[in-house]
Amino acid sequence: MSRFDHTAIDDVIHGRLRLGIMAYLSTVSPAPFVELKAKVNATDGNLSTHLSKLEEAGYVRLEKTLAGKKPITLVHLTKSGRAAWIAYLNRIQALIRASE
């Protein structure tokens, strides 16, 4: 698509922290919550809030497990999350092409 149309940008992904989450998960999935928190420079509460929004959209899935007696939360990028990420990147590329 070559015409300028910003309205198709996925607002769920477009927030800065959610964008970072999706970008990281597109290369490392699943990612432990602690690792993801460090990579996107977020607090526990802030990351949890943004993960909830992505989870509601069906873009991520949280898996709670144990490593011995230690609880671990793994964050998975879902198939629909990967499709939404690729569509987001295509939309941004279309906007760039339209502005050239």
N, C-alpha and C. Protein backbone atom coordinates (compact mmCIF):
# COMPACT_ATOMS: atom_id res chain seq x y z
N MET A 1 0.86 -1.17 0.00
CA MET A 1 0.00 0.00 0.00
C MET A 1 0.90 1.23 0.00
N SER A 2 0.71 2.14 -0.94
CA SER A 2 1.62 3.26 -1.05
C SER A 2 1.05 4.57 -0.53
N ARG A 3 -0.26 4.65 -0.34
CA ARG A 3 -0.79 5.93 0.12
C ARG A 3 -0.64 6.06 1.63
N PHE A 4 -0.57 7.28 2.08
CA PHE A 4 -0.40 7.55 3.51
C PHE A 4 -1.70 7.26 4.24
N ASP A 5 -1.66 6.29 5.15
CA ASP A 5 -2.84 5.95 5.95
C ASP A 5 -2.37 5.39 7.28
N HIS A 6 -2.37 6.24 8.28
CA HIS A 6 -1.90 5.83 9.59
C HIS A 6 -2.98 5.14 10.43
N THR A 7 -4.21 5.12 9.95
CA THR A 7 -5.32 4.60 10.76
C THR A 7 -5.28 3.10 10.95
N ALA A 8 -4.52 2.39 10.13
CA ALA A 8 -4.46 0.93 10.25
C ALA A 8 -3.38 0.47 11.23
N ILE A 9 -2.68 1.39 11.87
CA ILE A 9 -1.66 1.00 12.85
C ILE A 9 -2.36 0.38 14.06
N ASP A 10 -1.87 -0.75 14.48
CA ASP A 10 -2.43 -1.49 15.62
C ASP A 10 -2.08 -0.75 16.91
N ASP A 11 -3.07 -0.13 17.53
CA ASP A 11 -2.84 0.64 18.76
C ASP A 11 -2.40 -0.23 19.93
N VAL A 12 -2.76 -1.50 19.92
CA VAL A 12 -2.34 -2.39 20.99
C VAL A 12 -0.82 -2.55 20.97
N ILE A 13 -0.24 -2.66 19.80
CA ILE A 13 1.20 -2.82 19.67
C ILE A 13 1.93 -1.49 19.74
N HIS A 14 1.33 -0.43 19.25
CA HIS A 14 2.03 0.83 19.01
C HIS A 14 2.56 1.53 20.25
N GLY A 15 2.03 1.25 21.43
CA GLY A 15 2.59 1.86 22.63
C GLY A 15 4.06 1.48 22.79
N ARG A 16 4.88 2.39 23.26
CA ARG A 16 6.33 2.19 23.29
C ARG A 16 6.74 0.89 24.01
N LEU A 17 6.21 0.65 25.19
CA LEU A 17 6.60 -0.55 25.93
C LEU A 17 6.06 -1.81 25.25
N ARG A 18 4.83 -1.77 24.77
CA ARG A 18 4.28 -2.94 24.08
C ARG A 18 5.02 -3.21 22.78
N LEU A 19 5.45 -2.16 22.12
CA LEU A 19 6.27 -2.31 20.91
C LEU A 19 7.57 -3.03 21.24
N GLY A 20 8.21 -2.64 22.33
CA GLY A 20 9.44 -3.31 22.76
C GLY A 20 9.20 -4.76 23.13
N ILE A 21 8.10 -5.03 23.81
CA ILE A 21 7.75 -6.40 24.18
C ILE A 21 7.58 -7.26 22.93
N MET A 22 6.80 -6.76 21.99
CA MET A 22 6.55 -7.53 20.77
C MET A 22 7.83 -7.73 19.97
N ALA A 23 8.66 -6.70 19.88
CA ALA A 23 9.92 -6.82 19.14
C ALA A 23 10.81 -7.88 19.78
N TYR A 24 10.92 -7.85 21.09
CA TYR A 24 11.77 -8.83 21.76
C TYR A 24 11.21 -10.24 21.62
N LEU A 25 9.92 -10.38 21.84
CA LEU A 25 9.31 -11.71 21.74
C LEU A 25 9.35 -12.27 20.31
N SER A 26 9.45 -11.39 19.32
CA SER A 26 9.54 -11.88 17.94
C SER A 26 10.86 -12.58 17.68
N THR A 27 11.84 -12.33 18.55
CA THR A 27 13.14 -12.98 18.40
C THR A 27 13.42 -14.02 19.48
N VAL A 28 12.77 -13.87 20.64
CA VAL A 28 12.99 -14.77 21.77
C VAL A 28 11.63 -15.12 22.37
N SER A 29 11.11 -16.26 22.02
CA SER A 29 9.82 -16.67 22.58
C SER A 29 9.86 -18.15 22.85
N PRO A 30 9.60 -18.57 24.07
CA PRO A 30 9.15 -17.74 25.18
C PRO A 30 10.32 -17.02 25.85
N ALA A 31 9.99 -15.96 26.55
CA ALA A 31 10.97 -15.22 27.33
C ALA A 31 10.52 -15.22 28.79
N PRO A 32 11.43 -15.49 29.70
CA PRO A 32 11.08 -15.37 31.11
C PRO A 32 10.69 -13.93 31.44
N PHE A 33 9.70 -13.76 32.29
CA PHE A 33 9.22 -12.44 32.69
C PHE A 33 10.38 -11.56 33.15
N VAL A 34 11.27 -12.11 33.97
CA VAL A 34 12.39 -11.34 34.52
C VAL A 34 13.31 -10.84 33.40
N GLU A 35 13.57 -11.70 32.43
CA GLU A 35 14.42 -11.31 31.29
C GLU A 35 13.74 -10.23 30.46
N LEU A 36 12.46 -10.42 30.18
CA LEU A 36 11.70 -9.44 29.40
C LEU A 36 11.68 -8.10 30.11
N LYS A 37 11.46 -8.13 31.41
CA LYS A 37 11.44 -6.90 32.22
C LYS A 37 12.75 -6.14 32.06
N ALA A 38 13.88 -6.85 32.12
CA ALA A 38 15.18 -6.21 31.97
C ALA A 38 15.38 -5.66 30.55
N LYS A 39 14.96 -6.42 29.55
CA LYS A 39 15.17 -6.00 28.16
C LYS A 39 14.38 -4.74 27.81
N VAL A 40 13.17 -4.61 28.35
CA VAL A 40 12.35 -3.44 28.00
C VAL A 40 12.40 -2.35 29.08
N ASN A 41 13.23 -2.60 30.11
CA ASN A 41 13.45 -1.62 31.17
C ASN A 41 12.14 -1.19 31.84
N ALA A 42 11.42 -2.17 32.36
CA ALA A 42 10.12 -1.90 32.98
C ALA A 42 10.11 -2.38 34.43
N THR A 43 9.16 -1.88 35.18
CA THR A 43 8.93 -2.40 36.52
C THR A 43 8.01 -3.61 36.41
N ASP A 44 7.92 -4.39 37.48
CA ASP A 44 7.03 -5.54 37.50
C ASP A 44 5.60 -5.14 37.16
N GLY A 45 5.11 -4.11 37.85
CA GLY A 45 3.72 -3.68 37.66
C GLY A 45 3.45 -3.14 36.27
N ASN A 46 4.38 -2.34 35.76
CA ASN A 46 4.20 -1.75 34.43
C ASN A 46 4.21 -2.84 33.36
N LEU A 47 5.15 -3.77 33.47
CA LEU A 47 5.20 -4.86 32.50
C LEU A 47 3.95 -5.72 32.58
N SER A 48 3.50 -6.02 33.78
CA SER A 48 2.28 -6.82 33.96
C SER A 48 1.08 -6.16 33.31
N THR A 49 0.95 -4.85 33.48
CA THR A 49 -0.16 -4.11 32.89
C THR A 49 -0.14 -4.22 31.37
N HIS A 50 1.02 -4.03 30.78
CA HIS A 50 1.13 -4.07 29.32
C HIS A 50 0.97 -5.50 28.78
N LEU A 51 1.48 -6.47 29.52
CA LEU A 51 1.29 -7.86 29.11
C LEU A 51 -0.19 -8.24 29.16
N SER A 52 -0.91 -7.71 30.13
CA SER A 52 -2.36 -7.98 30.21
C SER A 52 -3.07 -7.48 28.97
N LYS A 53 -2.70 -6.29 28.52
CA LYS A 53 -3.32 -5.73 27.31
C LYS A 53 -3.00 -6.59 26.09
N LEU A 54 -1.75 -7.04 25.98
CA LEU A 54 -1.36 -7.90 24.86
C LEU A 54 -2.03 -9.27 24.96
N GLU A 55 -2.20 -9.75 26.18
CA GLU A 55 -2.85 -11.04 26.38
C GLU A 55 -4.33 -10.95 26.02
N GLU A 56 -4.99 -9.87 26.39
CA GLU A 56 -6.40 -9.66 26.04
C GLU A 56 -6.60 -9.65 24.53
N ALA A 57 -5.62 -9.12 23.81
CA ALA A 57 -5.69 -9.07 22.35
C ALA A 57 -5.34 -10.43 21.73
N GLY A 58 -4.86 -11.36 22.53
CA GLY A 58 -4.48 -12.67 22.02
C GLY A 58 -3.08 -12.71 21.42
N TYR A 59 -2.27 -11.68 21.70
CA TYR A 59 -0.94 -11.59 21.11
C TYR A 59 0.11 -12.33 21.91
N VAL A 60 -0.10 -12.45 23.22
CA VAL A 60 0.84 -13.19 24.05
C VAL A 60 0.07 -14.16 24.94
N ARG A 61 0.80 -15.16 25.41
CA ARG A 61 0.25 -16.12 26.36
C ARG A 61 1.25 -16.25 27.49
N LEU A 62 0.75 -16.20 28.73
CA LEU A 62 1.60 -16.36 29.90
C LEU A 62 1.51 -17.78 30.41
N GLU A 63 2.65 -18.34 30.75
CA GLU A 63 2.73 -19.70 31.27
C GLU A 63 3.46 -19.64 32.61
N LYS A 64 2.80 -20.08 33.65
CA LYS A 64 3.40 -20.09 34.98
C LYS A 64 3.87 -21.50 35.29
N THR A 65 5.17 -21.63 35.59
CA THR A 65 5.77 -22.92 35.89
C THR A 65 6.61 -22.80 37.16
N LEU A 66 7.21 -23.89 37.53
CA LEU A 66 8.14 -23.91 38.65
C LEU A 66 9.48 -24.42 38.19
N ALA A 67 10.54 -23.81 38.68
CA ALA A 67 11.90 -24.31 38.51
C ALA A 67 12.35 -24.70 39.91
N GLY A 68 12.18 -25.98 40.21
CA GLY A 68 12.35 -26.41 41.59
C GLY A 68 11.17 -25.87 42.39
N LYS A 69 11.45 -25.02 43.35
CA LYS A 69 10.38 -24.39 44.13
C LYS A 69 10.16 -22.94 43.74
N LYS A 70 10.92 -22.48 42.75
CA LYS A 70 10.85 -21.08 42.33
C LYS A 70 9.85 -20.90 41.20
N PRO A 71 8.86 -20.01 41.38
CA PRO A 71 7.90 -19.76 40.30
C PRO A 71 8.55 -18.98 39.15
N ILE A 72 8.23 -19.39 37.95
CA ILE A 72 8.74 -18.75 36.73
C ILE A 72 7.54 -18.45 35.84
N THR A 73 7.50 -17.24 35.29
CA THR A 73 6.49 -16.90 34.30
C THR A 73 7.17 -16.75 32.96
N LEU A 74 6.71 -17.54 31.99
CA LEU A 74 7.22 -17.45 30.62
C LEU A 74 6.19 -16.71 29.77
N VAL A 75 6.68 -15.84 28.91
CA VAL A 75 5.81 -15.07 28.03
C VAL A 75 6.04 -15.58 26.61
N HIS A 76 4.96 -16.07 26.01
CA HIS A 76 5.00 -16.62 24.65
C HIS A 76 4.34 -15.64 23.68
N LEU A 77 4.92 -15.47 22.52
CA LEU A 77 4.25 -14.78 21.42
C LEU A 77 3.37 -15.80 20.72
N THR A 78 2.09 -15.51 20.60
CA THR A 78 1.16 -16.44 19.96
C THR A 78 1.25 -16.33 18.43
N LYS A 79 0.62 -17.27 17.74
CA LYS A 79 0.58 -17.20 16.28
C LYS A 79 -0.12 -15.92 15.82
N SER A 80 -1.22 -15.57 16.47
CA SER A 80 -1.91 -14.33 16.09
C SER A 80 -1.07 -13.11 16.47
N GLY A 81 -0.28 -13.23 17.54
CA GLY A 81 0.63 -12.15 17.92
C GLY A 81 1.71 -11.94 16.87
N ARG A 82 2.26 -13.05 16.36
CA ARG A 82 3.28 -12.94 15.31
C ARG A 82 2.68 -12.34 14.04
N ALA A 83 1.47 -12.76 13.69
CA ALA A 83 0.80 -12.20 12.51
C ALA A 83 0.53 -10.71 12.70
N ALA A 84 0.11 -10.31 13.89
CA ALA A 84 -0.15 -8.89 14.17
C ALA A 84 1.15 -8.10 14.12
N TRP A 85 2.24 -8.68 14.60
CA TRP A 85 3.55 -8.02 14.57
C TRP A 85 4.00 -7.79 13.13
N ILE A 86 3.86 -8.81 12.30
CA ILE A 86 4.25 -8.67 10.89
C ILE A 86 3.37 -7.64 10.19
N ALA A 87 2.08 -7.66 10.47
CA ALA A 87 1.17 -6.67 9.87
C ALA A 87 1.55 -5.26 10.34
N TYR A 88 1.91 -5.11 11.60
CA TYR A 88 2.33 -3.82 12.14
C TYR A 88 3.57 -3.32 11.39
N LEU A 89 4.56 -4.19 11.24
CA LEU A 89 5.79 -3.80 10.54
C LEU A 89 5.50 -3.43 9.09
N ASN A 90 4.61 -4.18 8.43
CA ASN A 90 4.24 -3.85 7.05
C ASN A 90 3.56 -2.50 6.95
N ARG A 91 2.71 -2.19 7.93
CA ARG A 91 2.01 -0.90 7.93
C ARG A 91 3.01 0.24 8.12
N ILE A 92 3.97 0.07 9.02
CA ILE A 92 4.99 1.11 9.24
C ILE A 92 5.83 1.29 7.97
N GLN A 93 6.19 0.18 7.32
CA GLN A 93 6.96 0.29 6.09
C GLN A 93 6.16 1.00 5.01
N ALA A 94 4.87 0.76 4.93
CA ALA A 94 4.01 1.44 3.96
C ALA A 94 3.97 2.93 4.24
N LEU A 95 3.92 3.30 5.49
CA LEU A 95 3.92 4.73 5.84
C LEU A 95 5.23 5.37 5.44
N ILE A 96 6.33 4.67 5.64
CA ILE A 96 7.64 5.19 5.26
C ILE A 96 7.69 5.38 3.74
N ARG A 97 7.24 4.36 3.00
CA ARG A 97 7.24 4.47 1.53
C ARG A 97 6.36 5.63 1.06
N ALA A 98 5.23 5.82 1.72
CA ALA A 98 4.32 6.89 1.31
C ALA A 98 4.91 8.28 1.57
N SER A 99 5.84 8.36 2.49
CA SER A 99 6.41 9.67 2.82
C SER A 99 7.66 10.00 2.01
N GLU A 100 8.09 9.06 1.18
CA GLU A 100 9.32 9.31 0.39
C GLU A 100 9.03 10.14 -0.82
